[in-house]
Amino acid sequence: MSEAQTGYRSYMLRLWIGHQDDEPVWRVSLESVQTQQQWSFANLDDCFAFLQEQRNILSGSNQETHLCGPNRPQRCILGGTK
């Protein structure tokens, strides 16, 4: 059964402190438990926006923000699978 049919997705969240212009900043990555696809984000806000988009996709909402993927603003970095 697909994720869309079950309405379920699971992610492993990783947080760490990086540096930008010698200032500490939070970095974030998510990994799909089902597919092992990975996404990296420059900040928590972008990660939360991505999760909201995923929720909208699962619920069939037309409020997708298209944060990641081809021809979309580069707010996250798509990772490969293991």
Protein backbone atom coordinates (compact mmCIF):
# COMPACT_ATOMS: atom_id res chain seq x y z
CA MET A 1 0.00 0.00 0.00
CA SER A 2 1.40 3.42 -0.96
CA GLU A 3 2.00 6.35 1.39
CA ALA A 4 -0.88 8.24 -0.21
CA GLN A 5 -3.24 5.33 0.49
CA THR A 6 -2.16 4.90 4.10
CA GLY A 7 -1.81 8.63 4.85
CA TYR A 8 1.42 7.85 6.70
CA ARG A 9 5.01 9.02 6.35
CA SER A 10 7.81 8.70 8.84
CA TYR A 11 11.03 10.73 8.99
CA MET A 12 14.21 10.64 11.02
CA LEU A 13 15.10 14.20 12.04
CA ARG A 14 18.69 15.29 12.62
CA LEU A 15 19.67 18.67 14.10
CA TRP A 16 23.13 20.13 14.50
CA ILE A 17 24.80 23.51 14.86
CA GLY A 18 26.77 24.72 11.88
CA HIS A 19 28.38 28.07 11.20
CA GLN A 20 27.63 30.79 8.67
CA ASP A 21 29.79 33.93 8.66
CA ASP A 22 31.31 32.75 11.96
CA GLU A 23 27.84 32.68 13.55
CA PRO A 24 26.25 29.47 14.87
CA VAL A 25 23.14 28.37 12.93
CA TRP A 26 20.92 25.32 13.24
CA ARG A 27 21.07 22.86 10.35
CA VAL A 28 18.44 20.21 9.76
CA SER A 29 18.09 17.01 7.76
CA LEU A 30 15.25 14.56 7.30
CA GLU A 31 15.42 10.99 6.08
CA SER A 32 12.38 9.05 4.96
CA VAL A 33 12.12 5.84 6.96
CA GLN A 34 10.22 4.22 4.07
CA THR A 35 12.48 5.21 1.14
CA GLN A 36 15.74 6.42 2.78
CA GLN A 37 15.56 9.59 0.65
CA GLN A 38 17.26 12.49 2.41
CA TRP A 39 16.64 16.23 2.48
CA SER A 40 18.89 18.89 4.05
CA PHE A 41 17.69 22.32 5.15
CA ALA A 42 19.53 25.50 6.05
CA ASN A 43 17.11 26.23 8.89
CA LEU A 44 14.14 24.90 10.87
CA ASP A 45 11.61 27.12 9.11
CA ASP A 46 12.40 25.55 5.74
CA CYS A 47 12.16 22.07 7.27
CA PHE A 48 8.75 22.86 8.79
CA ALA A 49 7.53 24.28 5.47
CA PHE A 50 8.62 21.06 3.73
CA LEU A 51 6.73 18.97 6.31
CA GLN A 52 3.62 21.11 5.81
CA GLU A 53 3.89 20.51 2.06
CA GLN A 54 4.12 16.76 2.68
CA ARG A 55 1.04 16.93 4.91
CA ASN A 56 -0.84 18.82 2.17
CA ILE A 57 0.14 16.21 -0.40
CA LEU A 58 -1.11 13.37 1.79
CA SER A 59 -4.36 15.15 2.59
CA GLY A 60 -5.00 16.03 -1.05
CA SER A 61 -4.86 19.76 -0.33
CA ASN A 62 -4.19 22.19 -3.17
CA GLN A 63 -2.01 24.32 -0.88
CA GLU A 64 1.29 22.75 -1.94
CA THR A 65 4.17 25.18 -1.72
CA HIS A 66 6.60 23.15 -3.87
CA LEU A 67 9.72 23.82 -1.83
CA CYS A 68 11.83 21.05 -3.28
CA GLY A 69 12.37 19.47 -6.64
CA PRO A 70 13.01 20.43 -10.25
CA ASN A 71 12.11 24.00 -11.25
CA ARG A 72 11.40 25.01 -7.66
CA PRO A 73 13.14 27.46 -5.32
CA GLN A 74 16.21 25.87 -3.77
CA ARG A 75 15.12 25.86 -0.12
CA CYS A 76 16.19 22.30 0.49
CA ILE A 77 18.78 19.96 -0.92
CA LEU A 78 17.45 16.63 -2.11
CA GLY A 79 19.56 13.67 -1.14
CA GLY A 80 19.87 10.27 -2.71
CA THR A 81 18.87 6.93 -1.36
CA LYS A 82 21.19 4.60 0.46
